[in-house]
Amino acid sequence: MSLRSGHAFTYSDHLHLALGWGVGHAACHALFFFASLLPLTTGDGSYYSDSCPGMSLFLVTALNSLGTSATLVAAMVVALDGWRRRGAVWMAYAPAVHLASALLTLGSFKPGGCMFAVPSVLALGGANALYAAQTAWRGAPVASAATAPEGTVALPRTPEARRDL
């Protein structure tokens, strides 16, 4: 698209595209998680499964959806950064963590498995979000005094250089 229009995407454009793609992917997954539960909402009370009697099925699904959504958004940031840099390992990051999240979610079907699976999916989502933030921060172009807009100050990117300010 940028080759045809002559517009070169900035790093911010790449980041916004990745976040948009990830949020769309996560929204579709969340929709399918909850659309499958619609027939169960017609009765009174909440539904508990035999495999996880301690937690409502709706709570288990909501927490799994939250962890999976965080994983998918973060995975798109890392994967698109990998495509931008042409790194094959980072391009495979999104399918790999998607598979890991799906397999962990399946652990909720084992008797008592939701007590391990739900926190694991949430931890995977949190770890991926932290890694995506680190990837985005590390990949951001470094502003120098020469490229900073007039009237602004370009801050150094390394903690050591910031301590000297």
Protein backbone atom coordinates (compact mmCIF):
# COMPACT_ATOMS: atom_id res chain seq x y z
CA MET A 1 0.00 0.00 0.00
CA SER A 2 2.74 2.47 0.88
CA LEU A 3 4.63 1.66 -2.32
CA ARG A 4 1.66 2.59 -4.50
CA SER A 5 0.82 5.81 -2.70
CA GLY A 6 4.39 6.96 -2.19
CA HIS A 7 3.73 7.39 1.53
CA ALA A 8 6.27 5.77 3.82
CA PHE A 9 4.81 4.45 7.05
CA THR A 10 6.34 5.81 10.22
CA TYR A 11 7.10 3.61 13.20
CA SER A 12 3.97 4.97 14.85
CA ASP A 13 1.93 3.90 11.80
CA HIS A 14 3.35 0.38 12.06
CA LEU A 15 2.50 0.25 15.76
CA HIS A 16 -1.05 1.48 15.17
CA LEU A 17 -1.57 -1.07 12.40
CA ALA A 18 -0.33 -3.86 14.66
CA LEU A 19 -2.56 -2.77 17.54
CA GLY A 20 -5.58 -2.50 15.24
CA TRP A 21 -4.95 -5.93 13.76
CA GLY A 22 -4.47 -7.43 17.22
CA VAL A 23 -7.58 -5.81 18.69
CA GLY A 24 -9.67 -6.99 15.73
CA HIS A 25 -8.34 -10.53 16.06
CA ALA A 26 -8.96 -10.49 19.82
CA ALA A 27 -12.50 -9.12 19.39
CA CYS A 28 -13.38 -11.93 16.98
CA HIS A 29 -12.07 -14.53 19.42
CA ALA A 30 -13.96 -12.97 22.32
CA LEU A 31 -17.14 -12.94 20.24
CA PHE A 32 -16.77 -16.64 19.45
CA PHE A 33 -15.97 -17.47 23.08
CA PHE A 34 -19.21 -15.88 24.22
CA ALA A 35 -21.43 -16.64 21.23
CA SER A 36 -21.02 -20.33 22.05
CA LEU A 37 -22.42 -19.64 25.55
CA LEU A 38 -25.61 -17.86 24.40
CA PRO A 39 -27.84 -20.97 24.69
CA LEU A 40 -26.77 -21.34 28.33
CA THR A 41 -27.99 -17.86 29.29
CA THR A 42 -31.68 -18.65 28.99
CA GLY A 43 -32.08 -20.41 32.33
CA ASP A 44 -32.02 -19.19 35.91
CA GLY A 45 -28.72 -18.80 37.76
CA SER A 46 -25.25 -19.57 36.55
CA TYR A 47 -23.89 -22.65 34.87
CA TYR A 48 -21.13 -24.73 36.47
CA SER A 49 -19.32 -27.48 34.65
CA ASP A 50 -18.33 -30.82 36.17
CA SER A 51 -14.69 -30.19 35.28
CA CYS A 52 -14.58 -26.93 37.26
CA PRO A 53 -17.23 -26.86 40.00
CA GLY A 54 -15.54 -24.00 41.88
CA MET A 55 -15.91 -21.39 39.15
CA SER A 56 -18.84 -20.37 36.97
CA LEU A 57 -18.49 -21.29 33.32
CA PHE A 58 -19.04 -17.64 32.43
CA LEU A 59 -16.21 -16.53 34.74
CA VAL A 60 -13.83 -19.15 33.33
CA THR A 61 -14.70 -18.07 29.79
CA ALA A 62 -14.35 -14.38 30.59
CA LEU A 63 -10.92 -14.83 32.19
CA ASN A 64 -9.72 -17.08 29.36
CA SER A 65 -11.00 -14.50 26.88
CA LEU A 66 -9.13 -11.71 28.70
CA GLY A 67 -5.84 -13.63 28.69
CA THR A 68 -6.24 -14.71 25.08
CA SER A 69 -7.13 -11.18 23.98
CA ALA A 70 -4.03 -9.75 25.67
CA THR A 71 -1.95 -12.47 24.02
CA LEU A 72 -3.36 -11.76 20.55
CA VAL A 73 -2.93 -8.00 20.71
CA ALA A 74 0.64 -8.34 21.97
CA ALA A 75 1.48 -11.06 19.44
CA MET A 76 0.48 -8.81 16.55
CA VAL A 77 2.78 -6.04 17.79
CA VAL A 78 5.73 -8.45 17.95
CA ALA A 79 4.87 -10.18 14.67
CA LEU A 80 4.45 -6.98 12.66
CA ASP A 81 7.71 -5.68 14.11
CA GLY A 82 9.27 -8.94 12.93
CA TRP A 83 7.81 -8.49 9.45
CA ARG A 84 9.09 -4.92 9.36
CA ARG A 85 12.59 -6.12 10.30
CA ARG A 86 12.25 -9.30 8.21
CA GLY A 87 12.94 -11.61 11.16
CA ALA A 88 11.49 -15.10 10.59
CA VAL A 89 11.52 -16.01 14.29
CA TRP A 90 9.40 -12.99 15.20
CA MET A 91 7.00 -13.66 12.34
CA ALA A 92 6.36 -17.09 13.87
CA TYR A 93 5.81 -15.54 17.32
CA ALA A 94 2.09 -14.85 16.79
CA PRO A 95 1.11 -18.38 15.72
CA ALA A 96 3.26 -19.88 18.47
CA VAL A 97 1.74 -17.90 21.35
CA HIS A 98 -1.74 -18.29 19.84
CA LEU A 99 -1.24 -22.07 19.91
CA ALA A 100 0.09 -21.91 23.47
CA SER A 101 -2.93 -19.90 24.61
CA ALA A 102 -5.34 -22.30 22.87
CA LEU A 103 -3.70 -25.36 24.43
CA LEU A 104 -3.75 -23.78 27.87
CA THR A 105 -7.43 -22.93 27.43
CA LEU A 106 -8.15 -26.58 26.65
CA GLY A 107 -6.78 -27.40 30.10
CA SER A 108 -10.05 -26.06 31.53
CA PHE A 109 -11.81 -29.22 30.33
CA LYS A 110 -9.82 -31.53 32.59
CA PRO A 111 -11.33 -32.11 36.04
CA GLY A 112 -9.94 -29.32 38.22
CA GLY A 113 -7.86 -28.09 35.29
CA CYS A 114 -9.33 -24.60 35.33
CA MET A 115 -7.47 -23.86 38.57
CA PHE A 116 -4.23 -24.18 36.57
CA ALA A 117 -5.38 -23.23 33.08
CA VAL A 118 -7.07 -19.90 33.84
CA PRO A 119 -4.12 -18.35 35.75
CA SER A 120 -1.75 -19.71 33.09
CA VAL A 121 -3.68 -18.08 30.23
CA LEU A 122 -3.79 -14.79 32.17
CA ALA A 123 -0.05 -15.01 32.94
CA LEU A 124 0.72 -15.74 29.28
CA GLY A 125 -1.33 -12.70 28.25
CA GLY A 126 0.43 -10.47 30.79
CA ALA A 127 3.89 -11.72 29.83
CA ASN A 128 3.16 -11.19 26.14
CA ALA A 129 1.86 -7.67 26.79
CA LEU A 130 5.05 -6.80 28.67
CA TYR A 131 7.20 -8.28 25.91
CA ALA A 132 5.27 -6.38 23.23
CA ALA A 133 5.71 -3.13 25.16
CA GLN A 134 9.43 -3.83 25.42
CA THR A 135 9.59 -4.63 21.70
CA ALA A 136 7.73 -1.45 20.79
CA TRP A 137 9.95 0.66 23.04
CA ARG A 138 13.15 -0.92 21.73
CA GLY A 139 12.09 -0.55 18.09
CA ALA A 140 11.09 3.10 18.34
CA PRO A 141 13.35 5.43 16.43
CA VAL A 142 15.75 7.41 18.58
CA ALA A 143 15.13 11.14 18.51
CA SER A 144 18.18 13.32 18.45
CA ALA A 145 18.55 17.03 19.02
CA ALA A 146 18.95 17.45 15.25
CA THR A 147 15.63 15.70 14.43
CA ALA A 148 13.56 17.00 17.36
CA PRO A 149 10.95 19.63 16.51
CA GLU A 150 11.83 23.20 17.38
CA GLY A 151 11.11 24.06 21.00
CA THR A 152 11.29 20.44 22.23
CA VAL A 153 14.03 18.47 23.87
CA ALA A 154 14.94 14.96 22.73
CA LEU A 155 15.41 12.71 25.76
CA PRO A 156 18.13 10.06 25.66
CA ARG A 157 16.85 6.47 25.36
CA THR A 158 19.26 4.73 27.70
CA PRO A 159 18.76 4.86 31.48
CA GLU A 160 22.44 5.70 31.95
CA ALA A 161 22.16 8.76 29.73
CA ARG A 162 18.93 9.84 31.45
CA ARG A 163 20.63 9.79 34.86
CA ASP A 164 23.04 12.46 33.66
CA LEU A 165 20.23 14.97 33.00
